Amino acid sequence: MMNIIGTLCVYAAICKHEGKPLKFPGSKAAWECYQVASDADLIAEQQIWATVDPYARNEAFNCNNGDVFKWKHLWKALGEQFGIECPMLEEGHERVSLEVEMKDKGPVWDEIVRENQLLPTKLEEVGLWWFADLMLGGEALLDSMNKSKEHGFLGFRNSKNSFISWIDKMKGYKVVP
């Protein structure tokens, strides 16, 4: 359930529906710093590898895509995927809590679902606002894949391509418009 892409897609869909620009709700530090992400399919590949490879037995491993990104680059990609204006951070940017901003948007989401013939979901089922607030709120969240590589797992993903691919999947599965 801790899928920030799904939450951000719902946020983008609501902004577009309301005719508002897709403003970055997180901190300036999160906008500017390097981050890592973990593609769900890559995590699954690593789990299978760790289960069947004897060299991985009884070991704990980090899992991330193997590259770094900045939200200021992925945010633009999110805006493009939804055809919505995506302004750069302005001087004096203040962080906004999505948990607070989205608490009364249930009827808006119901309308989006109905108009776009999406899977029938409630806003609280598709938006983990507290998790997005956590992920967009602070400094760099980095870990290393070195131990996995040293033990033989060489899987990786391009984070931007992964981000766009998962947005496309969510649209294809009719979770978001």
C-alpha atoms as a PDB file:
ATOM      1  CA  MET A   1       0.000   0.000   0.000  1.00  0.00           C
ATOM      2  CA  MET A   2       2.919   2.399   0.426  1.00  0.00           C
ATOM      3  CA  ASN A   3       2.925   3.426  -3.210  1.00  0.00           C
ATOM      4  CA  ILE A   4       3.701   7.085  -3.671  1.00  0.00           C
ATOM      5  CA  ILE A   5       3.101   6.945  -7.424  1.00  0.00           C
ATOM      6  CA  GLY A   6      -0.548   6.004  -6.993  1.00  0.00           C
ATOM      7  CA  THR A   7      -1.070   8.753  -4.457  1.00  0.00           C
ATOM      8  CA  LEU A   8       0.610  11.350  -6.664  1.00  0.00           C
ATOM      9  CA  CYS A   9      -1.462  10.239  -9.667  1.00  0.00           C
ATOM     10  CA  VAL A  10      -4.655  10.786  -7.684  1.00  0.00           C
ATOM     11  CA  TYR A  11      -3.385  14.196  -6.553  1.00  0.00           C
ATOM     12  CA  ALA A  12      -2.583  15.115 -10.184  1.00  0.00           C
ATOM     13  CA  ALA A  13      -6.001  13.927 -11.376  1.00  0.00           C
ATOM     14  CA  ILE A  14      -7.737  16.041  -8.726  1.00  0.00           C
ATOM     15  CA  CYS A  15      -5.651  19.114  -9.590  1.00  0.00           C
ATOM     16  CA  LYS A  16      -6.451  18.693 -13.284  1.00  0.00           C
ATOM     17  CA  HIS A  17     -10.148  18.152 -12.605  1.00  0.00           C
ATOM     18  CA  GLU A  18     -10.266  21.332 -10.521  1.00  0.00           C
ATOM     19  CA  GLY A  19      -8.275  23.321 -13.104  1.00  0.00           C
ATOM     20  CA  LYS A  20      -5.393  23.927 -10.704  1.00  0.00           C
ATOM     21  CA  PRO A  21      -1.670  23.623 -11.449  1.00  0.00           C
ATOM     22  CA  LEU A  22       0.172  20.630 -10.042  1.00  0.00           C
ATOM     23  CA  LYS A  23       2.112  22.343  -7.276  1.00  0.00           C
ATOM     24  CA  PHE A  24       4.776  20.375  -5.439  1.00  0.00           C
ATOM     25  CA  PRO A  25       3.473  19.969  -1.880  1.00  0.00           C
ATOM     26  CA  GLY A  26       6.756  18.856  -0.330  1.00  0.00           C
ATOM     27  CA  SER A  27       9.684  20.713   1.133  1.00  0.00           C
ATOM     28  CA  LYS A  28      12.302  22.641  -0.828  1.00  0.00           C
ATOM     29  CA  ALA A  29      14.888  20.186   0.524  1.00  0.00           C
ATOM     30  CA  ALA A  30      12.965  17.232  -0.947  1.00  0.00           C
ATOM     31  CA  TRP A  31      12.602  19.086  -4.274  1.00  0.00           C
ATOM     32  CA  GLU A  32      16.362  19.644  -4.569  1.00  0.00           C
ATOM     33  CA  CYS A  33      18.019  16.612  -2.959  1.00  0.00           C
ATOM     34  CA  TYR A  34      18.865  13.259  -4.467  1.00  0.00           C
ATOM     35  CA  GLN A  35      16.547  10.366  -3.662  1.00  0.00           C
ATOM     36  CA  VAL A  36      16.306   6.680  -4.500  1.00  0.00           C
ATOM     37  CA  ALA A  37      13.215   4.709  -5.460  1.00  0.00           C
ATOM     38  CA  SER A  38      12.356   1.023  -5.546  1.00  0.00           C
ATOM     39  CA  ASP A  39      10.342  -0.335  -8.460  1.00  0.00           C
ATOM     40  CA  ALA A  40       7.880  -3.006  -7.271  1.00  0.00           C
ATOM     41  CA  ASP A  41       8.899  -5.437 -10.028  1.00  0.00           C
ATOM     42  CA  LEU A  42      12.565  -5.027  -9.092  1.00  0.00           C
ATOM     43  CA  ILE A  43      11.750  -5.737  -5.440  1.00  0.00           C
ATOM     44  CA  ALA A  44       9.960  -8.916  -6.535  1.00  0.00           C
ATOM     45  CA  GLU A  45      12.955  -9.974  -8.670  1.00  0.00           C
ATOM     46  CA  GLN A  46      15.301  -9.412  -5.756  1.00  0.00           C
ATOM     47  CA  GLN A  47      13.062 -11.380  -3.381  1.00  0.00           C
ATOM     48  CA  ILE A  48      12.999 -14.336  -5.760  1.00  0.00           C
ATOM     49  CA  TRP A  49      16.784 -14.145  -6.164  1.00  0.00           C
ATOM     50  CA  ALA A  50      17.316 -13.975  -2.388  1.00  0.00           C
ATOM     51  CA  THR A  51      15.079 -17.032  -1.960  1.00  0.00           C
ATOM     52  CA  VAL A  52      16.781 -19.276  -4.517  1.00  0.00           C
ATOM     53  CA  ASP A  53      20.439 -18.153  -4.534  1.00  0.00           C
ATOM     54  CA  PRO A  54      22.440 -19.965  -1.833  1.00  0.00           C
ATOM     55  CA  TYR A  55      24.873 -17.026  -1.613  1.00  0.00           C
ATOM     56  CA  ALA A  56      21.991 -14.831  -0.420  1.00  0.00           C
ATOM     57  CA  ARG A  57      20.861 -17.212   2.341  1.00  0.00           C
ATOM     58  CA  ASN A  58      20.227 -15.594   5.744  1.00  0.00           C
ATOM     59  CA  GLU A  59      21.204 -12.152   4.499  1.00  0.00           C
ATOM     60  CA  ALA A  60      19.280  -8.860   4.539  1.00  0.00           C
ATOM     61  CA  PHE A  61      19.457  -6.594   1.502  1.00  0.00           C
ATOM     62  CA  ASN A  62      18.413  -3.083   0.573  1.00  0.00           C
ATOM     63  CA  CYS A  63      16.545  -2.722  -2.674  1.00  0.00           C
ATOM     64  CA  ASN A  64      16.438   0.366  -4.848  1.00  0.00           C
ATOM     65  CA  ASN A  65      16.555   1.050  -8.567  1.00  0.00           C
ATOM     66  CA  GLY A  66      20.303   1.680  -8.529  1.00  0.00           C
ATOM     67  CA  ASP A  67      20.160   5.321  -9.647  1.00  0.00           C
ATOM     68  CA  VAL A  68      19.197   8.628  -8.055  1.00  0.00           C
ATOM     69  CA  PHE A  69      16.633  11.261  -8.978  1.00  0.00           C
ATOM     70  CA  LYS A  70      15.404  14.654  -7.859  1.00  0.00           C
ATOM     71  CA  TRP A  71      11.710  15.373  -7.392  1.00  0.00           C
ATOM     72  CA  LYS A  72      12.063  18.531  -9.459  1.00  0.00           C
ATOM     73  CA  HIS A  73      12.710  16.289 -12.478  1.00  0.00           C
ATOM     74  CA  LEU A  74      10.105  13.609 -11.766  1.00  0.00           C
ATOM     75  CA  TRP A  75       7.483  16.220 -10.897  1.00  0.00           C
ATOM     76  CA  LYS A  76       7.686  17.569 -14.432  1.00  0.00           C
ATOM     77  CA  ALA A  77       7.214  14.032 -15.775  1.00  0.00           C
ATOM     78  CA  LEU A  78       4.116  13.613 -13.563  1.00  0.00           C
ATOM     79  CA  GLY A  79       2.642  16.840 -14.922  1.00  0.00           C
ATOM     80  CA  GLU A  80       3.335  15.757 -18.499  1.00  0.00           C
ATOM     81  CA  GLN A  81       1.642  12.388 -17.968  1.00  0.00           C
ATOM     82  CA  PHE A  82      -1.528  14.148 -16.836  1.00  0.00           C
ATOM     83  CA  GLY A  83      -1.339  17.077 -19.253  1.00  0.00           C
ATOM     84  CA  ILE A  84      -1.307  19.585 -16.437  1.00  0.00           C
ATOM     85  CA  GLU A  85       0.737  22.705 -15.716  1.00  0.00           C
ATOM     86  CA  CYS A  86       3.544  21.901 -13.350  1.00  0.00           C
ATOM     87  CA  PRO A  87       5.195  25.083 -12.019  1.00  0.00           C
ATOM     88  CA  MET A  88       8.717  25.142 -10.658  1.00  0.00           C
ATOM     89  CA  LEU A  89       9.127  25.908  -6.981  1.00  0.00           C
ATOM     90  CA  GLU A  90       8.721  29.578  -6.226  1.00  0.00           C
ATOM     91  CA  GLU A  91      10.877  31.631  -3.879  1.00  0.00           C
ATOM     92  CA  GLY A  92       9.541  31.280  -0.357  1.00  0.00           C
ATOM     93  CA  HIS A  93       7.847  27.932  -1.139  1.00  0.00           C
ATOM     94  CA  GLU A  94       6.092  26.507   1.881  1.00  0.00           C
ATOM     95  CA  ARG A  95       5.289  22.887   2.296  1.00  0.00           C
ATOM     96  CA  VAL A  96       1.650  21.787   2.170  1.00  0.00           C
ATOM     97  CA  SER A  97       0.256  18.677   3.834  1.00  0.00           C
ATOM     98  CA  LEU A  98      -1.544  16.503   1.304  1.00  0.00           C
ATOM     99  CA  GLU A  99      -3.267  14.755   4.182  1.00  0.00           C
ATOM    100  CA  VAL A 100      -4.875  18.092   5.105  1.00  0.00           C
ATOM    101  CA  GLU A 101      -5.429  19.297   1.512  1.00  0.00           C
ATOM    102  CA  MET A 102      -7.130  16.088   0.380  1.00  0.00           C
ATOM    103  CA  LYS A 103      -9.304  15.368   3.445  1.00  0.00           C
ATOM    104  CA  ASP A 104     -12.433  16.892   1.860  1.00  0.00           C
ATOM    105  CA  LYS A 105     -11.800  15.783  -1.735  1.00  0.00           C
ATOM    106  CA  GLY A 106     -13.787  12.521  -1.543  1.00  0.00           C
ATOM    107  CA  PRO A 107     -16.738  13.921  -3.561  1.00  0.00           C
ATOM    108  CA  VAL A 108     -14.316  15.317  -6.175  1.00  0.00           C
ATOM    109  CA  TRP A 109     -12.677  11.890  -6.518  1.00  0.00           C
ATOM    110  CA  ASP A 110     -16.110  10.210  -6.777  1.00  0.00           C
ATOM    111  CA  GLU A 111     -16.935  12.563  -9.668  1.00  0.00           C
ATOM    112  CA  ILE A 112     -13.600  11.795 -11.409  1.00  0.00           C
ATOM    113  CA  VAL A 113     -14.213   8.052 -11.034  1.00  0.00           C
ATOM    114  CA  ARG A 114     -17.753   8.363 -12.424  1.00  0.00           C
ATOM    115  CA  GLU A 115     -16.841  10.678 -15.342  1.00  0.00           C
ATOM    116  CA  ASN A 116     -13.871   8.549 -16.434  1.00  0.00           C
ATOM    117  CA  GLN A 117     -15.417   5.131 -15.753  1.00  0.00           C
ATOM    118  CA  LEU A 118     -12.579   4.207 -13.425  1.00  0.00           C
ATOM    119  CA  LEU A 119     -12.505   1.294 -11.010  1.00  0.00           C
ATOM    120  CA  PRO A 120     -14.928   2.169  -8.243  1.00  0.00           C
ATOM    121  CA  THR A 121     -12.666   3.335  -5.427  1.00  0.00           C
ATOM    122  CA  LYS A 122     -12.932   5.739  -2.554  1.00  0.00           C
ATOM    123  CA  LEU A 123     -10.318   8.431  -2.065  1.00  0.00           C
ATOM    124  CA  GLU A 124      -9.038   6.845   1.133  1.00  0.00           C
ATOM    125  CA  GLU A 125      -8.368   3.618  -0.791  1.00  0.00           C
ATOM    126  CA  VAL A 126      -6.178   5.201  -3.440  1.00  0.00           C
ATOM    127  CA  GLY A 127      -4.440   8.061  -1.630  1.00  0.00           C
ATOM    128  CA  LEU A 128      -1.942   7.460   1.150  1.00  0.00           C
ATOM    129  CA  TRP A 129      -1.547  11.116   1.921  1.00  0.00           C
ATOM    130  CA  TRP A 130       0.435  10.651   5.150  1.00  0.00           C
ATOM    131  CA  PHE A 131       2.960   8.534   3.234  1.00  0.00           C
ATOM    132  CA  ALA A 132       3.342  11.143   0.486  1.00  0.00           C
ATOM    133  CA  ASP A 133       3.805  13.818   3.148  1.00  0.00           C
ATOM    134  CA  LEU A 134       6.546  11.704   4.709  1.00  0.00           C
ATOM    135  CA  MET A 135       8.305  10.980   1.401  1.00  0.00           C
ATOM    136  CA  LEU A 136       8.146  14.583   0.173  1.00  0.00           C
ATOM    137  CA  GLY A 137       8.966  16.225   3.442  1.00  0.00           C
ATOM    138  CA  GLY A 138      12.633  16.029   4.119  1.00  0.00           C
ATOM    139  CA  GLU A 139      16.176  15.432   3.152  1.00  0.00           C
ATOM    140  CA  ALA A 140      17.650  12.700   1.003  1.00  0.00           C
ATOM    141  CA  LEU A 141      16.470   9.144   1.507  1.00  0.00           C
ATOM    142  CA  LEU A 142      19.379   7.068   0.235  1.00  0.00           C
ATOM    143  CA  ASP A 143      20.567   3.512   0.643  1.00  0.00           C
ATOM    144  CA  SER A 144      23.042   1.324  -1.192  1.00  0.00           C
ATOM    145  CA  MET A 145      22.712  -1.725  -3.406  1.00  0.00           C
ATOM    146  CA  ASN A 146      26.384  -2.642  -2.935  1.00  0.00           C
ATOM    147  CA  LYS A 147      25.722  -5.671  -0.729  1.00  0.00           C
ATOM    148  CA  SER A 148      23.210  -7.058  -3.223  1.00  0.00           C
ATOM    149  CA  LYS A 149      25.665  -6.556  -6.080  1.00  0.00           C
ATOM    150  CA  GLU A 150      28.486  -8.179  -4.111  1.00  0.00           C
ATOM    151  CA  HIS A 151      26.229 -11.197  -3.549  1.00  0.00           C
ATOM    152  CA  GLY A 152      25.275 -11.437  -7.240  1.00  0.00           C
ATOM    153  CA  PHE A 153      22.024  -9.496  -7.696  1.00  0.00           C
ATOM    154  CA  LEU A 154      22.554  -7.032 -10.543  1.00  0.00           C
ATOM    155  CA  GLY A 155      18.982  -5.921 -11.235  1.00  0.00           C
ATOM    156  CA  PHE A 156      18.272  -2.215 -11.742  1.00  0.00           C
ATOM    157  CA  ARG A 157      15.677   0.199 -13.105  1.00  0.00           C
ATOM    158  CA  ASN A 158      15.818   3.697 -14.547  1.00  0.00           C
ATOM    159  CA  SER A 159      13.737   5.614 -11.982  1.00  0.00           C
ATOM    160  CA  LYS A 160      12.219   8.084 -14.439  1.00  0.00           C
ATOM    161  CA  ASN A 161      11.238   5.320 -16.869  1.00  0.00           C
ATOM    162  CA  SER A 162       9.865   3.269 -13.980  1.00  0.00           C
ATOM    163  CA  PHE A 163       7.846   6.254 -12.730  1.00  0.00           C
ATOM    164  CA  ILE A 164       6.271   6.803 -16.152  1.00  0.00           C
ATOM    165  CA  SER A 165       5.691   3.075 -16.667  1.00  0.00           C
ATOM    166  CA  TRP A 166       3.785   2.755 -13.389  1.00  0.00           C
ATOM    167  CA  ILE A 167       1.695   5.830 -14.191  1.00  0.00           C
ATOM    168  CA  ASP A 168       0.815   4.218 -17.532  1.00  0.00           C
ATOM    169  CA  LYS A 169      -0.094   0.962 -15.761  1.00  0.00           C
ATOM    170  CA  MET A 170      -2.350   2.785 -13.308  1.00  0.00           C
ATOM    171  CA  LYS A 171      -4.100   4.469 -16.237  1.00  0.00           C
ATOM    172  CA  GLY A 172      -4.327   1.174 -18.112  1.00  0.00           C
ATOM    173  CA  TYR A 173      -5.906  -0.547 -15.106  1.00  0.00           C
ATOM    174  CA  LYS A 174      -8.412   2.344 -14.894  1.00  0.00           C
ATOM    175  CA  VAL A 175      -7.290   3.391 -11.409  1.00  0.00           C
ATOM    176  CA  VAL A 176      -6.663   6.985 -12.557  1.00  0.00           C
ATOM    177  CA  PRO A 177      -7.768   8.874 -15.683  1.00  0.00           C
END
